Structures are given as structure tokens and as C-alpha cells.
Amino acid sequence: MDSPQNILVCVTQQVTCKRLILKATEYKNNEQDELHVIHVAKNEWNFLDNIREGEALEYLFKISKSVGANLSVLKSDDIVQTIVNFVEEHKITHIVMGKSPNDHKENNFYTELKGLLDDVKIHIIPQNGN
């Protein structure tokens, strides 16, 4: 039997991240596979004061729950290291994340993660969801 897949979806506080959560379900092979959703907010961000972002996270929480995933919201100024720690702690085998616009600094995010996580498959999902 294959060892279980532990899949992590990295989301921002936008409802459009629903597509990432739904796409991640396609990587599950069986019921033993685990799906985790994570949002890491910088310490100075107060998304609870921003109604729209709070509602978006609430929406993503419902979507996560509907596919059997847990949504973790963590606060940290070192987003990459926080994700690396989560990956190691939960034995993550796959990461699903959205594609940033070409000039966006989050493209470095992928490069940093890839450099720190040799054994983890990282799936970049473009805006159109394929």
C-alpha cells in the first residue's frame, strides 16, 4: 500500500483561494490522505479588523471543512519558515499554492520553499485553476 499523502494548501485571505483547496483534493489517493490548509499572516496584519478579509477566511474555513481539511491560521513574520515548520511537523508530501503575478515578490516564496523542502512536491496552480 502507498504511504499516505499529506497535502498542504497555502492560501491568502481571498475567496479565490477556493480553487486551490478544490484542486488539492485531486491529489488525494484515498481516505487516509490528509488535507491541510494554511494561512500565515504577518504579525502586524490584523485581518480580524478587516471585515472582507475576515469573511474571506471564514469562507475558506467552510470550504476546507467541506473537503475534510483543517484550516490553520498562523501569525509569523517569517512566513517561509513557518510553512517549513508546519510541513515537517505534519509530514507534508505535497504543497499546493497559487501562481503569483510575474512581478510579484511571492515568486521568491516558491524558490525559498523549494530550496528548503527537497522531498516535497510543490504544485503551482495558475489563475485559471488548471
N, C-alpha and C. Protein backbone atom coordinates (compact mmCIF):
# COMPACT_ATOMS: atom_id res chain seq x y z
N MET A 1 0.84 -1.18 0.00
CA MET A 1 0.00 0.00 0.00
C MET A 1 0.88 1.25 0.00
N ASP A 2 0.47 2.26 -0.76
CA ASP A 2 1.22 3.52 -0.80
C ASP A 2 1.18 4.20 0.55
N SER A 3 2.27 4.91 0.88
CA SER A 3 2.24 5.68 2.12
C SER A 3 1.29 6.86 1.92
N PRO A 4 0.67 7.32 3.00
CA PRO A 4 -0.34 8.36 2.85
C PRO A 4 0.23 9.67 2.34
N GLN A 5 -0.58 10.38 1.59
CA GLN A 5 -0.24 11.72 1.12
C GLN A 5 -0.72 12.70 2.18
N ASN A 6 0.12 13.64 2.51
CA ASN A 6 -0.28 14.74 3.39
C ASN A 6 -0.13 16.00 2.56
N ILE A 7 -1.24 16.62 2.24
CA ILE A 7 -1.26 17.71 1.29
C ILE A 7 -1.53 19.02 2.02
N LEU A 8 -0.72 20.04 1.71
CA LEU A 8 -0.87 21.35 2.33
C LEU A 8 -1.23 22.36 1.25
N VAL A 9 -2.29 23.12 1.50
CA VAL A 9 -2.70 24.19 0.59
C VAL A 9 -2.35 25.51 1.26
N CYS A 10 -1.59 26.35 0.59
CA CYS A 10 -1.24 27.68 1.10
C CYS A 10 -2.23 28.68 0.52
N VAL A 11 -2.96 29.37 1.40
CA VAL A 11 -3.96 30.33 0.93
C VAL A 11 -3.67 31.72 1.48
N THR A 12 -4.19 32.71 0.77
CA THR A 12 -4.20 34.09 1.26
C THR A 12 -5.63 34.35 1.72
N GLN A 13 -5.89 35.55 2.20
CA GLN A 13 -7.23 35.84 2.70
C GLN A 13 -8.13 36.32 1.57
N GLN A 14 -8.21 35.52 0.51
CA GLN A 14 -9.04 35.85 -0.64
C GLN A 14 -9.93 34.66 -0.98
N VAL A 15 -11.18 34.94 -1.30
CA VAL A 15 -12.11 33.85 -1.61
C VAL A 15 -11.68 33.08 -2.85
N THR A 16 -10.88 33.69 -3.72
CA THR A 16 -10.43 32.99 -4.93
C THR A 16 -9.55 31.78 -4.60
N CYS A 17 -9.05 31.71 -3.37
CA CYS A 17 -8.24 30.55 -2.96
C CYS A 17 -9.05 29.27 -2.87
N LYS A 18 -10.37 29.39 -2.98
CA LYS A 18 -11.23 28.19 -3.00
C LYS A 18 -10.73 27.23 -4.08
N ARG A 19 -10.33 27.77 -5.23
CA ARG A 19 -9.87 26.92 -6.35
C ARG A 19 -8.67 26.08 -5.96
N LEU A 20 -7.80 26.62 -5.08
CA LEU A 20 -6.61 25.88 -4.65
C LEU A 20 -7.01 24.71 -3.76
N ILE A 21 -7.97 24.95 -2.87
CA ILE A 21 -8.43 23.90 -1.96
C ILE A 21 -9.09 22.78 -2.76
N LEU A 22 -9.95 23.15 -3.71
CA LEU A 22 -10.64 22.14 -4.51
C LEU A 22 -9.66 21.38 -5.40
N LYS A 23 -8.67 22.08 -5.96
CA LYS A 23 -7.67 21.41 -6.79
C LYS A 23 -6.85 20.42 -5.96
N ALA A 24 -6.55 20.79 -4.72
CA ALA A 24 -5.74 19.93 -3.85
C ALA A 24 -6.42 18.59 -3.58
N THR A 25 -7.75 18.58 -3.58
CA THR A 25 -8.47 17.32 -3.34
C THR A 25 -8.16 16.30 -4.43
N GLU A 26 -7.77 16.76 -5.61
CA GLU A 26 -7.45 15.85 -6.71
C GLU A 26 -6.16 15.07 -6.45
N TYR A 27 -5.33 15.55 -5.53
CA TYR A 27 -4.07 14.86 -5.24
C TYR A 27 -4.24 13.76 -4.19
N LYS A 28 -5.43 13.70 -3.60
CA LYS A 28 -5.68 12.64 -2.61
C LYS A 28 -5.89 11.32 -3.33
N ASN A 29 -5.25 10.28 -2.83
CA ASN A 29 -5.42 8.95 -3.42
C ASN A 29 -6.49 8.14 -2.71
N ASN A 30 -6.65 8.41 -1.41
CA ASN A 30 -7.62 7.63 -0.64
C ASN A 30 -8.00 8.40 0.62
N GLU A 31 -8.86 7.80 1.43
CA GLU A 31 -9.38 8.46 2.62
C GLU A 31 -8.31 8.66 3.70
N GLN A 32 -7.22 7.89 3.64
CA GLN A 32 -6.16 8.06 4.63
C GLN A 32 -5.33 9.32 4.38
N ASP A 33 -5.36 9.80 3.16
CA ASP A 33 -4.62 11.01 2.83
C ASP A 33 -5.21 12.20 3.58
N GLU A 34 -4.32 13.07 4.06
CA GLU A 34 -4.78 14.23 4.83
C GLU A 34 -4.61 15.50 4.03
N LEU A 35 -5.58 16.39 4.18
CA LEU A 35 -5.54 17.69 3.51
C LEU A 35 -5.50 18.77 4.58
N HIS A 36 -4.50 19.64 4.49
CA HIS A 36 -4.35 20.75 5.43
C HIS A 36 -4.39 22.05 4.63
N VAL A 37 -4.99 23.07 5.19
CA VAL A 37 -4.99 24.39 4.57
C VAL A 37 -4.36 25.35 5.57
N ILE A 38 -3.45 26.20 5.09
CA ILE A 38 -2.75 27.12 5.99
C ILE A 38 -2.78 28.54 5.43
N HIS A 39 -2.96 29.47 6.33
CA HIS A 39 -2.81 30.89 6.01
C HIS A 39 -1.87 31.47 7.06
N VAL A 40 -0.77 32.03 6.60
CA VAL A 40 0.17 32.65 7.54
C VAL A 40 0.08 34.16 7.37
N ALA A 41 -0.28 34.83 8.45
CA ALA A 41 -0.40 36.29 8.44
C ALA A 41 0.79 36.89 9.18
N LYS A 42 1.30 37.97 8.65
CA LYS A 42 2.39 38.66 9.37
C LYS A 42 1.83 39.21 10.67
N ASN A 43 2.68 39.33 11.66
CA ASN A 43 2.24 39.75 12.99
C ASN A 43 1.51 41.09 13.00
N GLU A 44 1.94 42.03 12.13
CA GLU A 44 1.29 43.34 12.17
C GLU A 44 -0.05 43.36 11.43
N TRP A 45 -0.36 42.31 10.66
CA TRP A 45 -1.64 42.25 9.97
C TRP A 45 -2.73 41.93 10.97
N ASN A 46 -3.76 42.70 10.94
CA ASN A 46 -4.89 42.39 11.81
C ASN A 46 -6.11 42.13 10.94
N PHE A 47 -6.18 40.92 10.41
CA PHE A 47 -7.26 40.60 9.48
C PHE A 47 -8.63 40.58 10.15
N LEU A 48 -8.67 40.47 11.46
CA LEU A 48 -9.97 40.46 12.13
C LEU A 48 -10.61 41.84 12.10
N ASP A 49 -9.80 42.91 11.95
CA ASP A 49 -10.35 44.26 11.82
C ASP A 49 -10.82 44.54 10.40
N ASN A 50 -10.36 43.75 9.48
CA ASN A 50 -10.75 43.94 8.09
C ASN A 50 -11.88 42.96 7.80
N ILE A 51 -13.09 43.50 7.71
CA ILE A 51 -14.28 42.66 7.56
C ILE A 51 -14.17 41.74 6.35
N ARG A 52 -13.75 42.28 5.21
CA ARG A 52 -13.72 41.48 3.99
C ARG A 52 -12.73 40.32 4.12
N GLU A 53 -11.55 40.59 4.68
CA GLU A 53 -10.57 39.52 4.85
C GLU A 53 -11.05 38.49 5.86
N GLY A 54 -11.68 38.94 6.91
CA GLY A 54 -12.24 38.02 7.91
C GLY A 54 -13.31 37.14 7.29
N GLU A 55 -14.17 37.75 6.47
CA GLU A 55 -15.21 36.97 5.79
C GLU A 55 -14.60 35.98 4.80
N ALA A 56 -13.54 36.40 4.13
CA ALA A 56 -12.88 35.50 3.18
C ALA A 56 -12.29 34.29 3.90
N LEU A 57 -11.66 34.53 5.06
CA LEU A 57 -11.10 33.41 5.82
C LEU A 57 -12.21 32.50 6.34
N GLU A 58 -13.31 33.09 6.76
CA GLU A 58 -14.47 32.30 7.21
C GLU A 58 -14.98 31.42 6.07
N TYR A 59 -15.06 32.00 4.88
CA TYR A 59 -15.49 31.28 3.69
C TYR A 59 -14.51 30.12 3.39
N LEU A 60 -13.21 30.41 3.43
CA LEU A 60 -12.21 29.37 3.16
C LEU A 60 -12.24 28.28 4.24
N PHE A 61 -12.57 28.68 5.47
CA PHE A 61 -12.71 27.70 6.54
C PHE A 61 -13.85 26.73 6.21
N LYS A 62 -14.97 27.27 5.73
CA LYS A 62 -16.12 26.41 5.36
C LYS A 62 -15.77 25.49 4.20
N ILE A 63 -15.09 26.03 3.19
CA ILE A 63 -14.68 25.21 2.04
C ILE A 63 -13.74 24.10 2.51
N SER A 64 -12.77 24.47 3.36
CA SER A 64 -11.81 23.48 3.88
C SER A 64 -12.55 22.37 4.60
N LYS A 65 -13.46 22.76 5.47
CA LYS A 65 -14.22 21.78 6.25
C LYS A 65 -15.04 20.87 5.34
N SER A 66 -15.59 21.44 4.26
CA SER A 66 -16.43 20.65 3.35
C SER A 66 -15.65 19.57 2.62
N VAL A 67 -14.32 19.73 2.49
CA VAL A 67 -13.50 18.70 1.84
C VAL A 67 -12.68 17.92 2.85
N GLY A 68 -13.01 18.08 4.14
CA GLY A 68 -12.34 17.30 5.18
C GLY A 68 -10.98 17.83 5.57
N ALA A 69 -10.73 19.11 5.33
CA ALA A 69 -9.43 19.70 5.66
C ALA A 69 -9.54 20.60 6.88
N ASN A 70 -8.42 20.76 7.57
CA ASN A 70 -8.35 21.73 8.65
C ASN A 70 -7.71 23.00 8.11
N LEU A 71 -8.25 24.17 8.49
CA LEU A 71 -7.63 25.44 8.13
C LEU A 71 -6.89 25.96 9.34
N SER A 72 -5.59 26.14 9.20
CA SER A 72 -4.78 26.72 10.27
C SER A 72 -4.42 28.14 9.89
N VAL A 73 -4.69 29.08 10.79
CA VAL A 73 -4.28 30.46 10.59
C VAL A 73 -3.19 30.75 11.61
N LEU A 74 -1.99 31.01 11.11
CA LEU A 74 -0.84 31.23 11.98
C LEU A 74 -0.32 32.64 11.77
N LYS A 75 0.23 33.23 12.82
CA LYS A 75 0.83 34.56 12.71
C LYS A 75 2.33 34.43 12.85
N SER A 76 3.05 35.02 11.90
CA SER A 76 4.51 34.97 11.93
C SER A 76 5.07 36.00 10.96
N ASP A 77 6.20 36.56 11.32
CA ASP A 77 6.88 37.46 10.38
C ASP A 77 7.77 36.69 9.41
N ASP A 78 8.01 35.41 9.70
CA ASP A 78 8.80 34.57 8.79
C ASP A 78 7.88 33.51 8.20
N ILE A 79 7.19 33.91 7.14
CA ILE A 79 6.16 33.05 6.55
C ILE A 79 6.76 31.75 6.03
N VAL A 80 7.88 31.84 5.32
CA VAL A 80 8.51 30.63 4.75
C VAL A 80 8.88 29.66 5.85
N GLN A 81 9.56 30.12 6.90
CA GLN A 81 9.99 29.23 7.97
C GLN A 81 8.78 28.62 8.70
N THR A 82 7.73 29.40 8.85
CA THR A 82 6.51 28.89 9.50
C THR A 82 5.91 27.75 8.68
N ILE A 83 5.90 27.91 7.36
CA ILE A 83 5.37 26.84 6.50
C ILE A 83 6.29 25.63 6.55
N VAL A 84 7.60 25.85 6.52
CA VAL A 84 8.56 24.74 6.61
C VAL A 84 8.34 23.96 7.91
N ASN A 85 8.17 24.68 9.02
CA ASN A 85 7.92 24.02 10.31
C ASN A 85 6.63 23.20 10.26
N PHE A 86 5.59 23.76 9.65
CA PHE A 86 4.31 23.05 9.54
C PHE A 86 4.48 21.79 8.68
N VAL A 87 5.21 21.92 7.59
CA VAL A 87 5.46 20.78 6.68
C VAL A 87 6.17 19.66 7.43
N GLU A 88 7.19 20.01 8.20
CA GLU A 88 7.94 18.99 8.94
C GLU A 88 7.08 18.36 10.03
N GLU A 89 6.33 19.19 10.74
CA GLU A 89 5.51 18.71 11.84
C GLU A 89 4.40 17.76 11.38
N HIS A 90 3.83 18.04 10.20
CA HIS A 90 2.70 17.24 9.71
C HIS A 90 3.09 16.26 8.60
N LYS A 91 4.41 16.11 8.37
CA LYS A 91 4.91 15.18 7.35
C LYS A 91 4.23 15.40 6.00
N ILE A 92 4.21 16.65 5.57
CA ILE A 92 3.57 17.03 4.32
C ILE A 92 4.35 16.47 3.13
N THR A 93 3.64 15.91 2.16
CA THR A 93 4.27 15.36 0.96
C THR A 93 4.05 16.24 -0.28
N HIS A 94 2.97 17.05 -0.27
CA HIS A 94 2.64 17.91 -1.40
C HIS A 94 2.21 19.29 -0.87
N ILE A 95 2.62 20.33 -1.58
CA ILE A 95 2.15 21.68 -1.29
C ILE A 95 1.44 22.19 -2.54
N VAL A 96 0.27 22.76 -2.35
CA VAL A 96 -0.49 23.38 -3.45
C VAL A 96 -0.55 24.87 -3.15
N MET A 97 -0.14 25.67 -4.14
CA MET A 97 -0.19 27.12 -3.96
C MET A 97 -0.52 27.79 -5.28
N GLY A 98 -1.00 29.02 -5.18
CA GLY A 98 -1.37 29.77 -6.39
C GLY A 98 -0.15 30.38 -7.05
N LYS A 99 -0.31 30.69 -8.30
CA LYS A 99 0.75 31.35 -9.06
C LYS A 99 0.62 32.85 -8.84
N SER A 100 1.73 33.47 -8.48
CA SER A 100 1.74 34.92 -8.28
C SER A 100 1.93 35.61 -9.63
N PRO A 101 1.45 36.85 -9.73
CA PRO A 101 1.75 37.61 -10.96
C PRO A 101 3.27 37.68 -11.15
N ASN A 102 3.70 37.80 -12.39
CA ASN A 102 5.13 37.71 -12.72
C ASN A 102 6.02 38.65 -11.92
N ASP A 103 5.54 39.85 -11.64
CA ASP A 103 6.40 40.81 -10.95
C ASP A 103 6.25 40.75 -9.44
N HIS A 104 5.54 39.75 -8.96
CA HIS A 104 5.21 39.68 -7.54
C HIS A 104 6.34 39.04 -6.73
N LYS A 105 6.62 39.57 -5.55
CA LYS A 105 7.72 39.07 -4.74
C LYS A 105 7.47 37.65 -4.25
N GLU A 106 6.21 37.17 -4.29
CA GLU A 106 5.93 35.82 -3.81
C GLU A 106 6.55 34.75 -4.71
N ASN A 107 7.01 35.14 -5.91
CA ASN A 107 7.72 34.17 -6.74
C ASN A 107 8.98 33.71 -6.01
N ASN A 108 9.56 34.56 -5.19
CA ASN A 108 10.70 34.17 -4.36
C ASN A 108 10.27 33.16 -3.31
N PHE A 109 9.04 33.25 -2.89
CA PHE A 109 8.44 32.37 -1.90
C PHE A 109 8.56 30.91 -2.36
N TYR A 110 8.19 30.66 -3.61
CA TYR A 110 8.30 29.31 -4.17
C TYR A 110 9.76 28.85 -4.17
N THR A 111 10.64 29.72 -4.63
CA THR A 111 12.07 29.38 -4.70
C THR A 111 12.63 29.06 -3.32
N GLU A 112 12.26 29.87 -2.32
CA GLU A 112 12.73 29.63 -0.96
C GLU A 112 12.21 28.29 -0.43
N LEU A 113 10.90 28.04 -0.63
CA LEU A 113 10.32 26.79 -0.14
C LEU A 113 10.99 25.59 -0.82
N LYS A 114 11.15 25.67 -2.13
CA LYS A 114 11.74 24.56 -2.89
C LYS A 114 13.14 24.26 -2.38
N GLY A 115 13.90 25.31 -2.05
CA GLY A 115 15.26 25.13 -1.57
C GLY A 115 15.32 24.48 -0.19
N LEU A 116 14.27 24.69 0.61
CA LEU A 116 14.25 24.16 1.97
C LEU A 116 13.55 22.80 2.08
N LEU A 117 12.76 22.46 1.07
CA LEU A 117 11.94 21.24 1.14
C LEU A 117 12.19 20.36 -0.08
N ASP A 118 13.31 19.67 -0.08
CA ASP A 118 13.68 18.82 -1.22
C ASP A 118 12.67 17.72 -1.51
N ASP A 119 12.12 17.11 -0.46
CA ASP A 119 11.30 15.91 -0.63
C ASP A 119 9.82 16.20 -0.84
N VAL A 120 9.45 17.46 -0.91
CA VAL A 120 8.03 17.82 -1.02
C VAL A 120 7.74 18.27 -2.45
N LYS A 121 6.66 17.72 -3.03
CA LYS A 121 6.24 18.15 -4.37
C LYS A 121 5.46 19.44 -4.21
N ILE A 122 5.84 20.47 -4.97
CA ILE A 122 5.13 21.74 -4.92
C ILE A 122 4.37 21.92 -6.23
N HIS A 123 3.06 22.09 -6.12
CA HIS A 123 2.20 22.27 -7.29
C HIS A 123 1.76 23.73 -7.34
N ILE A 124 2.09 24.41 -8.44
CA ILE A 124 1.69 25.80 -8.63
C ILE A 124 0.45 25.81 -9.52
N ILE A 125 -0.63 26.37 -9.01
CA ILE A 125 -1.90 26.39 -9.74
C ILE A 125 -2.10 27.78 -10.34
N PRO A 126 -2.17 27.89 -11.67
CA PRO A 126 -2.36 29.21 -12.29
C PRO A 126 -3.76 29.78 -12.00
N GLN A 127 -3.93 31.05 -12.31
CA GLN A 127 -5.20 31.74 -12.03
C GLN A 127 -6.42 31.02 -12.60
N ASN A 128 -6.29 30.42 -13.77
CA ASN A 128 -7.44 29.76 -14.37
C ASN A 128 -7.75 28.40 -13.74
N GLY A 129 -6.92 27.98 -12.78
CA GLY A 129 -7.24 26.80 -11.98
C GLY A 129 -6.78 25.47 -12.50
N ASN A 130 -6.14 25.42 -13.68
CA ASN A 130 -5.72 24.12 -14.21
C ASN A 130 -4.34 23.79 -13.80
